[in-house]
N, C-alpha and C. Protein backbone atom coordinates (compact mmCIF):
# COMPACT_ATOMS: atom_id res chain seq x y z
N MET A 1 22.35 -60.84 -33.96
CA MET A 1 22.53 -59.52 -33.39
C MET A 1 22.05 -59.55 -31.94
N THR A 2 22.90 -59.09 -31.04
CA THR A 2 22.57 -59.06 -29.62
C THR A 2 22.01 -57.69 -29.25
N GLU A 3 21.01 -57.69 -28.40
CA GLU A 3 20.42 -56.44 -27.91
C GLU A 3 20.90 -56.18 -26.50
N TYR A 4 21.31 -54.95 -26.23
CA TYR A 4 21.78 -54.55 -24.91
C TYR A 4 20.86 -53.48 -24.34
N ASN A 5 20.57 -53.57 -23.05
CA ASN A 5 19.81 -52.55 -22.34
C ASN A 5 20.75 -51.87 -21.36
N LEU A 6 21.06 -50.61 -21.61
CA LEU A 6 22.03 -49.89 -20.80
C LEU A 6 21.44 -48.58 -20.29
N THR A 7 21.81 -48.23 -19.09
CA THR A 7 21.37 -46.97 -18.50
C THR A 7 22.17 -45.82 -19.09
N VAL A 8 21.49 -44.74 -19.40
CA VAL A 8 22.12 -43.50 -19.85
C VAL A 8 21.65 -42.39 -18.92
N ILE A 9 22.59 -41.60 -18.46
CA ILE A 9 22.29 -40.46 -17.59
C ILE A 9 22.58 -39.19 -18.37
N ILE A 10 21.65 -38.23 -18.34
CA ILE A 10 21.84 -37.00 -19.11
C ILE A 10 21.55 -35.78 -18.23
N PRO A 11 22.59 -35.24 -17.59
CA PRO A 11 22.44 -33.97 -16.89
C PRO A 11 22.69 -32.81 -17.86
N LYS A 12 22.27 -31.64 -17.46
CA LYS A 12 22.52 -30.43 -18.23
C LYS A 12 23.66 -29.69 -17.56
N ASP A 13 24.68 -29.26 -18.33
CA ASP A 13 25.82 -28.59 -17.72
C ASP A 13 25.58 -27.09 -17.56
N GLU A 14 26.56 -26.42 -16.98
CA GLU A 14 26.41 -24.99 -16.68
C GLU A 14 26.31 -24.11 -17.93
N ASP A 15 26.72 -24.64 -19.09
CA ASP A 15 26.63 -23.90 -20.35
C ASP A 15 25.33 -24.19 -21.10
N GLY A 16 24.49 -25.08 -20.53
CA GLY A 16 23.22 -25.41 -21.16
C GLY A 16 23.28 -26.60 -22.10
N ASN A 17 24.45 -27.24 -22.20
CA ASN A 17 24.57 -28.43 -23.03
C ASN A 17 24.15 -29.67 -22.25
N PHE A 18 23.79 -30.71 -22.98
CA PHE A 18 23.37 -31.97 -22.37
C PHE A 18 24.51 -32.97 -22.46
N LEU A 19 24.97 -33.47 -21.31
CA LEU A 19 26.04 -34.45 -21.25
C LEU A 19 25.40 -35.82 -21.12
N ALA A 20 25.68 -36.72 -22.05
CA ALA A 20 25.12 -38.07 -22.04
C ALA A 20 26.21 -39.06 -21.63
N ILE A 21 25.93 -39.83 -20.58
CA ILE A 21 26.91 -40.76 -20.01
C ILE A 21 26.30 -42.15 -19.92
N CYS A 22 27.07 -43.16 -20.31
CA CYS A 22 26.67 -44.55 -20.11
C CYS A 22 27.59 -45.13 -19.04
N PRO A 23 27.15 -45.17 -17.78
CA PRO A 23 28.03 -45.58 -16.68
C PRO A 23 28.59 -47.00 -16.81
N ALA A 24 27.88 -47.91 -17.43
CA ALA A 24 28.34 -49.30 -17.53
C ALA A 24 29.55 -49.44 -18.46
N LEU A 25 29.70 -48.49 -19.39
CA LEU A 25 30.79 -48.54 -20.36
C LEU A 25 31.76 -47.41 -20.04
N GLN A 26 32.77 -47.72 -19.29
CA GLN A 26 33.72 -46.73 -18.82
C GLN A 26 34.26 -45.88 -19.97
N GLY A 27 34.16 -44.57 -19.82
CA GLY A 27 34.65 -43.65 -20.84
C GLY A 27 33.69 -43.40 -21.99
N CYS A 28 32.49 -43.93 -21.91
CA CYS A 28 31.51 -43.77 -22.98
C CYS A 28 30.57 -42.61 -22.63
N TYR A 29 30.86 -41.47 -23.23
CA TYR A 29 30.04 -40.28 -22.99
C TYR A 29 30.15 -39.35 -24.18
N THR A 30 29.22 -38.43 -24.28
CA THR A 30 29.21 -37.42 -25.33
C THR A 30 28.35 -36.26 -24.86
N ASP A 31 28.21 -35.24 -25.67
CA ASP A 31 27.31 -34.15 -25.31
C ASP A 31 26.64 -33.59 -26.55
N GLY A 32 25.63 -32.79 -26.31
CA GLY A 32 24.90 -32.17 -27.41
C GLY A 32 24.24 -30.90 -26.95
N GLU A 33 23.88 -30.06 -27.90
CA GLU A 33 23.22 -28.80 -27.57
C GLU A 33 21.76 -29.02 -27.17
N THR A 34 21.17 -30.12 -27.63
CA THR A 34 19.78 -30.45 -27.27
C THR A 34 19.75 -31.86 -26.71
N LEU A 35 18.67 -32.18 -26.02
CA LEU A 35 18.49 -33.53 -25.48
C LEU A 35 18.47 -34.55 -26.62
N GLU A 36 17.77 -34.24 -27.69
CA GLU A 36 17.67 -35.15 -28.83
C GLU A 36 19.03 -35.41 -29.45
N GLU A 37 19.84 -34.35 -29.58
CA GLU A 37 21.18 -34.51 -30.15
C GLU A 37 22.04 -35.38 -29.24
N ALA A 38 21.98 -35.14 -27.93
CA ALA A 38 22.77 -35.92 -26.98
C ALA A 38 22.35 -37.39 -27.01
N LEU A 39 21.05 -37.66 -27.09
CA LEU A 39 20.56 -39.04 -27.16
C LEU A 39 21.05 -39.74 -28.42
N GLY A 40 20.97 -39.06 -29.55
CA GLY A 40 21.43 -39.65 -30.80
C GLY A 40 22.92 -39.94 -30.76
N MET A 41 23.68 -39.02 -30.19
CA MET A 41 25.13 -39.19 -30.15
C MET A 41 25.54 -40.29 -29.17
N ILE A 42 24.84 -40.41 -28.03
CA ILE A 42 25.21 -41.46 -27.08
C ILE A 42 24.86 -42.84 -27.65
N LYS A 43 23.78 -42.93 -28.41
CA LYS A 43 23.47 -44.21 -29.06
C LYS A 43 24.58 -44.63 -30.00
N ASP A 44 25.07 -43.68 -30.78
CA ASP A 44 26.20 -43.97 -31.69
C ASP A 44 27.45 -44.35 -30.90
N ALA A 45 27.73 -43.60 -29.82
CA ALA A 45 28.92 -43.86 -29.00
C ALA A 45 28.85 -45.24 -28.36
N ILE A 46 27.67 -45.62 -27.87
CA ILE A 46 27.50 -46.93 -27.24
C ILE A 46 27.73 -48.03 -28.27
N LYS A 47 27.13 -47.87 -29.44
CA LYS A 47 27.29 -48.89 -30.50
C LYS A 47 28.76 -49.06 -30.86
N LEU A 48 29.46 -47.96 -31.07
CA LEU A 48 30.88 -48.02 -31.41
C LEU A 48 31.70 -48.63 -30.28
N HIS A 49 31.38 -48.28 -29.06
CA HIS A 49 32.08 -48.79 -27.89
C HIS A 49 31.93 -50.32 -27.80
N ILE A 50 30.70 -50.79 -27.96
CA ILE A 50 30.44 -52.23 -27.90
C ILE A 50 31.13 -52.95 -29.05
N GLU A 51 31.03 -52.41 -30.26
CA GLU A 51 31.68 -53.03 -31.41
C GLU A 51 33.19 -53.15 -31.18
N TYR A 52 33.80 -52.11 -30.66
CA TYR A 52 35.24 -52.12 -30.39
C TYR A 52 35.59 -53.22 -29.38
N ARG A 53 34.81 -53.27 -28.29
CA ARG A 53 35.08 -54.28 -27.27
C ARG A 53 34.95 -55.69 -27.82
N LEU A 54 33.92 -55.93 -28.61
CA LEU A 54 33.72 -57.26 -29.19
C LEU A 54 34.84 -57.63 -30.15
N GLU A 55 35.26 -56.67 -30.98
CA GLU A 55 36.34 -56.92 -31.93
C GLU A 55 37.65 -57.25 -31.23
N ASN A 56 37.82 -56.75 -30.00
CA ASN A 56 39.05 -56.96 -29.25
C ASN A 56 38.91 -58.04 -28.19
N GLY A 57 37.84 -58.83 -28.28
CA GLY A 57 37.65 -59.95 -27.37
C GLY A 57 37.33 -59.56 -25.94
N GLU A 58 36.88 -58.33 -25.74
CA GLU A 58 36.53 -57.87 -24.40
C GLU A 58 35.06 -58.16 -24.11
N SER A 59 34.75 -58.34 -22.84
CA SER A 59 33.36 -58.60 -22.46
C SER A 59 32.58 -57.29 -22.41
N ILE A 60 31.27 -57.42 -22.50
CA ILE A 60 30.37 -56.28 -22.37
C ILE A 60 29.73 -56.35 -20.99
N PRO A 61 29.90 -55.32 -20.17
CA PRO A 61 29.30 -55.35 -18.84
C PRO A 61 27.77 -55.46 -18.93
N ILE A 62 27.21 -56.29 -18.11
CA ILE A 62 25.76 -56.45 -18.04
C ILE A 62 25.26 -55.77 -16.78
N GLU A 63 24.34 -54.85 -16.95
CA GLU A 63 23.78 -54.16 -15.79
C GLU A 63 22.87 -55.12 -15.03
N ILE A 64 23.06 -55.19 -13.74
CA ILE A 64 22.25 -56.04 -12.89
C ILE A 64 21.13 -55.25 -12.23
N TYR A 65 21.43 -54.01 -11.89
CA TYR A 65 20.45 -53.24 -11.13
C TYR A 65 20.74 -51.75 -11.31
N SER A 66 19.71 -50.96 -11.45
CA SER A 66 19.85 -49.51 -11.41
C SER A 66 18.62 -48.94 -10.70
N SER A 67 18.84 -47.83 -10.03
CA SER A 67 17.76 -47.22 -9.27
C SER A 67 18.07 -45.75 -9.05
N GLN A 68 17.04 -45.00 -8.80
CA GLN A 68 17.23 -43.62 -8.37
C GLN A 68 17.07 -43.59 -6.86
N LEU A 69 17.94 -42.87 -6.21
CA LEU A 69 17.88 -42.76 -4.77
C LEU A 69 17.52 -41.32 -4.38
N LYS A 70 16.65 -41.17 -3.44
CA LYS A 70 16.29 -39.85 -2.95
C LYS A 70 17.08 -39.64 -1.64
N ILE A 71 17.92 -38.62 -1.63
CA ILE A 71 18.77 -38.32 -0.48
C ILE A 71 18.44 -36.93 0.02
N GLU A 72 18.18 -36.82 1.29
CA GLU A 72 17.94 -35.50 1.90
C GLU A 72 19.19 -35.06 2.63
N VAL A 73 19.57 -33.82 2.41
CA VAL A 73 20.76 -33.27 3.08
C VAL A 73 20.37 -31.99 3.78
C-alpha cells in the first residue's frame, strides 16, 4: 500500500458550505455543510480518484512544493 501526501484547500462558500479541493488531482473536489464532513468526503474522493488512475495505468502527481503566500493589494 502506497501512502500519498496531498494538499487540500478548504474555503467556505457564500452559502456557508465548505468546499474541499485537492489541487494536485484535477477535478477532485467535494463539499460539506461542516469542516469535518468536507474533510471526510475529500478523503474518500481522493482515494477513489487515485484508485481510478492506478486502475487505468495513469500516474499519480507528486507534489514537490506548496506554500502560502502573503500578498498585499
